[in-house]
Amino acid sequence: MDNMMRVKKVVLNQGNYLTQAQQDWLTRPYLEKEVKEAIFNIPSTKAQGLDGYSSYFIQDNWDIVDDEGLPQGTREAAYLSGKSTTNSPGSIAWDNLWKSKARGGLGFKNSHYWNEAAIGKHVWALETYRENLWVKWIHHAYLKNENWFDYKACQQSSWYWRKIIEVKEKMKTKMDLHQLTKEEYNIKKISNFLAEDHAKMYWKGIVWANSNVPNIVS
């Protein structure tokens, strides 16, 4: 801090100052309609914030947003976490929710497995030697006639290459890669295969039978 250049008040005095009325306006209590207007002016394609909620989620669920601009239940999450303030959502067993209904979940899509399956397409492309420049370059620069399924990346390899190898090793523990290369690659199918490592629930037919799902009453 001692080495920082100090602000020259002479320069500041040459500029414009906020009037007392403007200062009062900036420090006044904000209105709910102003918060709503600001929220709905944020593009819905914006990434989620540190609290885990995107602008689209807040806009789409505005009816349940409380007076602090947070979805209802956030204060309950603070109580459960033992903290007076928190930006975290309530405790949710995501590891169970993304399972299929047949395996005790609600069938939510898990983006982690979807991304791994997308990376896995590179694993498949290298083994089947697809006709594209990237595959040819990898075989020439990295594999050099080495067996792809047995290949190990060195520590000096780039992050993206080590990630592909990591996914390949994980896929080897989940499926027969030689069998995989005999058909066209399907990201959705592989994603489900990577995620489904749980036994089917005997009660799934009782809970999720069509007769047990309530109909919408108009």
Protein backbone atom coordinates (compact mmCIF):
# COMPACT_ATOMS: atom_id res chain seq x y z
CA MET A 1 0.00 0.00 0.00
CA ASP A 2 2.90 2.39 0.72
CA ASN A 3 4.08 2.10 -2.89
CA MET A 4 0.72 2.98 -4.39
CA MET A 5 0.26 6.37 -5.97
CA ARG A 6 -2.05 8.59 -3.98
CA VAL A 7 -5.09 10.18 -5.56
CA LYS A 8 -4.56 13.83 -6.37
CA LYS A 9 -7.47 15.81 -4.99
CA VAL A 10 -6.64 18.66 -7.35
CA VAL A 11 -7.54 16.41 -10.27
CA LEU A 12 -10.73 15.20 -8.57
CA ASN A 13 -11.85 18.76 -7.89
CA GLN A 14 -11.80 19.43 -11.62
CA GLY A 15 -14.55 16.86 -12.19
CA ASN A 16 -18.25 16.80 -11.38
CA TYR A 17 -19.59 15.88 -7.95
CA LEU A 18 -22.82 14.15 -7.06
CA THR A 19 -25.37 16.54 -5.66
CA GLN A 20 -26.87 15.86 -2.26
CA ALA A 21 -30.11 14.84 -3.99
CA GLN A 22 -28.26 12.32 -6.14
CA GLN A 23 -26.46 10.91 -3.09
CA ASP A 24 -29.76 10.54 -1.27
CA TRP A 25 -31.28 8.76 -4.27
CA LEU A 26 -28.42 6.24 -4.43
CA THR A 27 -28.71 5.40 -0.74
CA ARG A 28 -32.50 5.23 -0.58
CA PRO A 29 -34.26 1.87 -0.03
CA TYR A 30 -34.85 0.10 -3.35
CA LEU A 31 -38.30 -0.94 -4.48
CA GLU A 32 -39.43 -4.44 -5.39
CA LYS A 33 -40.46 -3.35 -8.87
CA GLU A 34 -36.95 -1.97 -9.44
CA VAL A 35 -35.42 -5.32 -8.46
CA LYS A 36 -37.80 -7.14 -10.79
CA GLU A 37 -37.03 -4.74 -13.65
CA ALA A 38 -33.29 -5.24 -13.14
CA ILE A 39 -33.62 -9.03 -12.99
CA PHE A 40 -35.75 -9.24 -16.13
CA ASN A 41 -33.31 -7.03 -18.03
CA ILE A 42 -30.59 -9.66 -17.56
CA PRO A 43 -30.34 -11.94 -20.64
CA SER A 44 -31.58 -15.43 -19.82
CA THR A 45 -28.49 -16.93 -21.48
CA LYS A 46 -26.18 -15.58 -18.76
CA ALA A 47 -24.28 -18.16 -16.71
CA GLN A 48 -25.42 -18.91 -13.17
CA GLY A 49 -24.08 -16.86 -10.30
CA LEU A 50 -22.13 -17.95 -7.25
CA ASP A 51 -25.38 -18.86 -5.53
CA GLY A 52 -26.06 -21.52 -8.17
CA TYR A 53 -29.08 -19.76 -9.71
CA SER A 54 -29.16 -18.43 -13.27
CA SER A 55 -31.08 -15.32 -14.31
CA TYR A 56 -33.45 -17.51 -16.32
CA PHE A 57 -34.25 -19.59 -13.22
CA ILE A 58 -35.04 -16.47 -11.19
CA GLN A 59 -37.17 -15.01 -13.99
CA ASP A 60 -39.05 -18.25 -14.60
CA ASN A 61 -39.73 -18.71 -10.87
CA TRP A 62 -40.35 -15.09 -9.93
CA ASP A 63 -43.57 -15.99 -8.11
CA ILE A 64 -41.61 -17.88 -5.44
CA VAL A 65 -38.75 -15.37 -5.10
CA ASP A 66 -38.68 -13.69 -1.70
CA ASP A 67 -38.17 -10.03 -0.89
CA GLU A 68 -34.39 -10.39 -1.08
CA GLY A 69 -34.40 -11.75 -4.61
CA LEU A 70 -33.71 -15.33 -3.49
CA PRO A 71 -35.83 -18.44 -4.11
CA GLN A 72 -37.85 -19.40 -1.07
CA GLY A 73 -36.04 -21.99 1.01
CA THR A 74 -32.66 -20.26 0.97
CA ARG A 75 -33.10 -19.12 4.56
CA GLU A 76 -34.03 -22.69 5.51
CA ALA A 77 -30.75 -23.79 3.89
CA ALA A 78 -28.94 -21.28 6.09
CA TYR A 79 -30.59 -22.77 9.15
CA LEU A 80 -29.67 -26.33 8.13
CA SER A 81 -26.06 -25.37 7.39
CA GLY A 82 -25.65 -23.65 10.77
CA LYS A 83 -24.69 -20.35 9.15
CA SER A 84 -26.46 -17.04 9.55
CA THR A 85 -26.06 -16.26 5.86
CA THR A 86 -25.46 -18.57 2.95
CA ASN A 87 -25.74 -18.49 -0.83
CA SER A 88 -26.09 -22.23 -1.07
CA PRO A 89 -29.38 -23.88 -2.01
CA GLY A 90 -30.98 -26.36 0.34
CA SER A 91 -29.52 -29.81 0.88
CA ILE A 92 -30.47 -31.99 -2.09
CA ALA A 93 -29.38 -35.58 -2.69
CA TRP A 94 -28.30 -34.99 -6.27
CA ASP A 95 -26.46 -38.33 -6.33
CA ASN A 96 -29.87 -39.96 -6.01
CA LEU A 97 -31.98 -37.61 -8.13
CA TRP A 98 -30.01 -38.12 -11.33
CA LYS A 99 -30.57 -41.89 -11.20
CA SER A 100 -33.28 -43.22 -13.47
CA LYS A 101 -36.69 -43.88 -11.95
CA ALA A 102 -36.07 -47.60 -12.29
CA ARG A 103 -33.03 -47.22 -10.04
CA GLY A 104 -34.59 -45.09 -7.32
CA GLY A 105 -34.09 -41.56 -8.71
CA LEU A 106 -36.14 -38.99 -10.58
CA GLY A 107 -34.38 -39.27 -13.93
CA PHE A 108 -32.58 -35.90 -13.85
CA LYS A 109 -29.85 -35.55 -16.46
CA ASN A 110 -26.32 -35.47 -15.06
CA SER A 111 -24.19 -33.05 -17.10
CA HIS A 112 -21.00 -34.59 -15.67
CA TYR A 113 -21.69 -37.95 -17.30
CA TRP A 114 -22.92 -36.27 -20.46
CA ASN A 115 -19.64 -34.35 -20.76
CA GLU A 116 -17.64 -37.51 -20.14
CA ALA A 117 -19.64 -39.29 -22.84
CA ALA A 118 -18.96 -36.39 -25.22
CA ILE A 119 -15.23 -36.66 -24.53
CA GLY A 120 -15.57 -40.42 -24.96
CA LYS A 121 -16.41 -39.86 -28.61
CA HIS A 122 -12.75 -38.93 -29.10
CA VAL A 123 -11.81 -42.27 -27.52
CA TRP A 124 -14.08 -44.03 -30.00
CA ALA A 125 -12.81 -41.97 -32.95
CA LEU A 126 -9.17 -42.81 -32.22
CA GLU A 127 -9.84 -46.54 -31.94
CA THR A 128 -11.93 -46.66 -35.12
CA TYR A 129 -9.43 -44.38 -36.90
CA ARG A 130 -12.02 -41.93 -38.21
CA GLU A 131 -11.11 -40.06 -41.34
CA ASN A 132 -10.26 -36.60 -39.99
CA LEU A 133 -7.11 -34.56 -39.55
CA TRP A 134 -7.19 -34.57 -35.72
CA VAL A 135 -7.26 -38.39 -35.51
CA LYS A 136 -4.38 -38.68 -37.97
CA TRP A 137 -2.34 -36.10 -36.06
CA ILE A 138 -2.91 -37.85 -32.70
CA HIS A 139 -1.82 -41.19 -34.14
CA HIS A 140 1.29 -39.61 -35.63
CA ALA A 141 2.28 -37.34 -32.71
CA TYR A 142 1.20 -39.37 -29.66
CA LEU A 143 0.29 -42.99 -30.31
CA LYS A 144 2.96 -43.88 -32.89
CA ASN A 145 1.56 -47.38 -33.54
CA GLU A 146 1.03 -47.99 -29.82
CA ASN A 147 -2.14 -49.80 -28.74
CA TRP A 148 -4.66 -47.06 -28.00
CA PHE A 149 -6.51 -48.87 -25.21
CA ASP A 150 -3.23 -49.52 -23.35
CA TYR A 151 -1.77 -46.06 -23.94
CA LYS A 152 -0.80 -43.97 -20.88
CA ALA A 153 -0.33 -40.20 -21.02
CA CYS A 154 2.86 -38.72 -19.62
CA GLN A 155 2.81 -35.92 -17.03
CA GLN A 156 4.03 -33.40 -19.59
CA SER A 157 0.98 -33.95 -21.80
CA SER A 158 -1.54 -31.16 -22.21
CA TRP A 159 -4.58 -30.96 -19.97
CA TYR A 160 -7.06 -31.84 -22.70
CA TRP A 161 -5.06 -34.94 -23.73
CA ARG A 162 -4.75 -36.19 -20.16
CA LYS A 163 -8.52 -35.67 -19.75
CA ILE A 164 -9.24 -37.84 -22.79
CA ILE A 165 -6.99 -40.55 -21.35
CA GLU A 166 -8.76 -40.26 -17.99
CA VAL A 167 -12.16 -40.75 -19.64
CA LYS A 168 -10.80 -43.68 -21.65
CA GLU A 169 -9.63 -45.41 -18.48
CA LYS A 170 -13.00 -44.84 -16.83
CA MET A 171 -14.84 -46.22 -19.85
CA LYS A 172 -12.64 -49.34 -19.73
CA THR A 173 -13.97 -50.10 -16.24
CA LYS A 174 -17.58 -49.61 -17.33
CA MET A 175 -17.84 -51.31 -20.70
CA ASP A 176 -16.18 -53.44 -23.35
CA LEU A 177 -14.47 -50.85 -25.54
CA HIS A 178 -13.81 -53.37 -28.31
CA GLN A 179 -17.55 -54.00 -28.51
CA LEU A 180 -18.18 -50.26 -28.42
CA THR A 181 -16.14 -49.69 -31.58
CA LYS A 182 -18.32 -52.04 -33.59
CA GLU A 183 -21.22 -49.58 -33.73
CA GLU A 184 -21.84 -45.86 -34.20
CA TYR A 185 -21.15 -43.73 -31.16
CA ASN A 186 -24.17 -42.35 -29.32
CA ILE A 187 -23.48 -39.78 -26.59
CA LYS A 188 -26.88 -40.21 -24.93
CA LYS A 189 -26.52 -43.98 -24.78
CA ILE A 190 -22.99 -43.84 -23.37
CA SER A 191 -23.97 -41.14 -20.86
CA ASN A 192 -26.75 -43.35 -19.52
CA PHE A 193 -24.40 -46.32 -19.44
CA LEU A 194 -21.79 -44.42 -17.43
CA ALA A 195 -24.41 -43.21 -14.95
CA GLU A 196 -26.36 -46.43 -14.45
CA ASP A 197 -24.26 -48.44 -12.01
CA HIS A 198 -27.07 -49.04 -9.51
CA ALA A 199 -29.42 -51.97 -9.17
CA LYS A 200 -33.04 -51.62 -10.27
CA MET A 201 -35.56 -51.04 -7.51
CA TYR A 202 -38.17 -53.78 -7.05
CA TRP A 203 -40.78 -51.15 -6.16
CA LYS A 204 -40.30 -48.98 -9.24
CA GLY A 205 -43.36 -50.43 -10.98
CA ILE A 206 -45.54 -49.70 -7.95
CA VAL A 207 -44.41 -46.09 -7.49
CA TRP A 208 -44.18 -45.04 -11.13
CA ALA A 209 -47.10 -46.98 -12.56
CA ASN A 210 -49.38 -44.81 -14.73
CA SER A 211 -52.29 -45.42 -12.39
CA ASN A 212 -50.35 -43.93 -9.48
CA VAL A 213 -49.26 -40.71 -11.20
CA PRO A 214 -51.87 -38.02 -10.41
CA ASN A 215 -53.58 -36.35 -13.34
CA ILE A 216 -53.87 -32.59 -13.70
CA VAL A 217 -57.28 -31.38 -12.62
CA SER A 218 -58.47 -28.41 -14.65
